[in-house]
Structure formats: C-alpha cells, structure tokens
C-alpha cells in the first residue's frame, strides 16, 4: 500500500488525567508534537485498535526492543517509511 500524504491532527484543547484542562499554543504543538501522548480509556482500547486503526490498514508490528507495549501497530507509508503506534499500559 502506497501513501503519498499523512495528515495528523493534534488537539489544541486537552484534558489531563486529573481533570484539569489546557489550550496548547500552535508553537507548542509544532515544537513538542512528537512528544505528545494521547490517552485512550481502557474501555475504548479495543474500539480504537481493533476497529478504527486496523480498518485504516494498520497491522501488528514486531518491535526490536519491546518495552511493555499492550499493542504495537504499523502502517506502511512507502518503500522506506512505516508509521508505528505503540499503546502502553499506564497506571493513574
């Protein structure tokens, strides 16, 4: 599967695990976007992984050094590029 464009939308309004909220500035999202994490509630994990992402073409990924990921998915973007998502277990 060849993909010529990959568009990722990051929210500017976020809700933290403690219920507090913040609006992220565009400069912050552009400079720190690669370090942002999205929380998926445990009850919605199967909907996100098993439904939406797999239907979009993501496949199971085999990582060189596993770090306790619950799921690792990858989408082939071209001859040399993969987009990989890792879902970690988090305790709040």
Protein backbone atom coordinates (compact mmCIF):
# COMPACT_ATOMS: atom_id res chain seq x y z
CA UNK A 1 0.00 0.00 0.00
CA UNK A 2 1.46 3.35 -1.02
CA UNK A 3 0.55 6.54 0.81
CA UNK A 4 1.61 9.92 -0.53
CA UNK A 5 0.28 12.06 2.31
CA UNK A 6 -0.04 11.55 6.03
CA UNK A 7 -2.08 14.09 7.95
CA UNK A 8 -2.10 14.03 11.73
CA UNK A 9 -4.43 16.22 13.71
CA UNK A 10 -3.43 17.13 17.25
CA UNK A 11 -5.99 18.67 19.60
CA UNK A 12 -5.31 22.15 20.91
CA UNK A 13 -7.71 21.73 23.85
CA UNK A 14 -6.62 18.91 26.13
CA UNK A 15 -7.93 17.32 29.31
CA UNK A 16 -5.35 15.84 31.69
CA UNK A 17 -5.91 12.67 33.75
CA UNK A 18 -6.62 14.77 36.86
CA UNK A 19 -9.48 16.58 35.05
CA UNK A 20 -7.64 19.88 34.55
CA UNK A 21 -7.68 21.41 31.06
CA UNK A 22 -5.34 23.48 28.91
CA UNK A 23 -5.25 25.06 25.47
CA UNK A 24 -1.98 24.33 23.68
CA UNK A 25 -0.45 27.08 21.57
CA UNK A 26 0.38 26.39 17.93
CA UNK A 27 4.11 26.94 18.66
CA UNK A 28 4.00 24.34 21.43
CA UNK A 29 2.23 21.77 19.24
CA UNK A 30 4.69 22.34 16.37
CA UNK A 31 7.78 22.04 18.58
CA UNK A 32 6.57 19.35 21.01
CA UNK A 33 4.06 17.48 18.83
CA UNK A 34 6.33 14.46 18.54
CA UNK A 35 6.36 14.15 22.32
CA UNK A 36 2.62 14.41 22.95
CA UNK A 37 0.74 11.32 24.11
CA UNK A 38 -2.91 10.50 23.64
CA UNK A 39 -4.73 8.74 26.45
CA UNK A 40 -7.22 6.09 25.37
CA UNK A 41 -9.52 4.95 28.20
CA UNK A 42 -9.22 1.19 28.83
CA UNK A 43 -12.85 0.61 27.84
CA UNK A 44 -12.23 2.20 24.42
CA UNK A 45 -8.92 0.50 23.58
CA UNK A 46 -10.47 -2.31 21.51
CA UNK A 47 -12.60 0.19 19.57
CA UNK A 48 -9.52 2.24 18.68
CA UNK A 49 -7.08 -0.60 17.99
CA UNK A 50 -9.36 -3.38 16.80
CA UNK A 51 -11.71 -1.15 14.86
CA UNK A 52 -10.53 2.22 13.62
CA UNK A 53 -6.80 1.58 13.22
CA UNK A 54 -7.00 -1.92 11.77
CA UNK A 55 -9.71 -0.74 9.37
CA UNK A 56 -7.34 2.05 8.28
CA UNK A 57 -4.70 -0.53 7.32
CA UNK A 58 -2.56 -0.81 10.46
CA UNK A 59 -1.03 -4.25 11.08
CA UNK A 60 0.69 -5.80 14.12
CA UNK A 61 4.26 -4.54 14.44
CA UNK A 62 7.19 -6.52 15.79
CA UNK A 63 9.45 -4.25 17.81
CA UNK A 64 13.18 -4.80 18.18
CA UNK A 65 13.16 -3.96 21.87
CA UNK A 66 9.75 -4.45 23.50
CA UNK A 67 9.08 -2.03 26.40
CA UNK A 68 5.82 -3.43 27.74
CA UNK A 69 3.54 -2.22 24.97
CA UNK A 70 0.00 -3.54 25.05
CA UNK A 71 -0.32 -3.08 21.29
CA UNK A 72 2.16 -2.12 18.57
CA UNK A 73 0.74 -1.32 15.15
CA UNK A 74 2.40 -0.20 11.95
CA UNK A 75 1.20 1.26 8.67
CA UNK A 76 3.42 1.04 5.59
CA UNK A 77 3.71 4.53 4.03
CA UNK A 78 6.11 3.75 1.20
CA UNK A 79 9.22 1.80 0.29
CA UNK A 80 11.21 3.09 3.25
CA UNK A 81 8.64 4.50 5.69
CA UNK A 82 6.39 3.00 8.34
CA UNK A 83 4.15 4.84 10.78
CA UNK A 84 4.22 2.96 14.10
CA UNK A 85 1.89 3.40 17.06
CA UNK A 86 2.64 1.95 20.47
CA UNK A 87 -0.02 1.62 23.14
CA UNK A 88 1.42 1.43 26.65
CA UNK A 89 -0.26 0.35 29.88
CA UNK A 90 -0.48 3.26 32.28
CA UNK A 91 -1.48 3.37 35.91
CA UNK A 92 -3.20 6.54 37.08
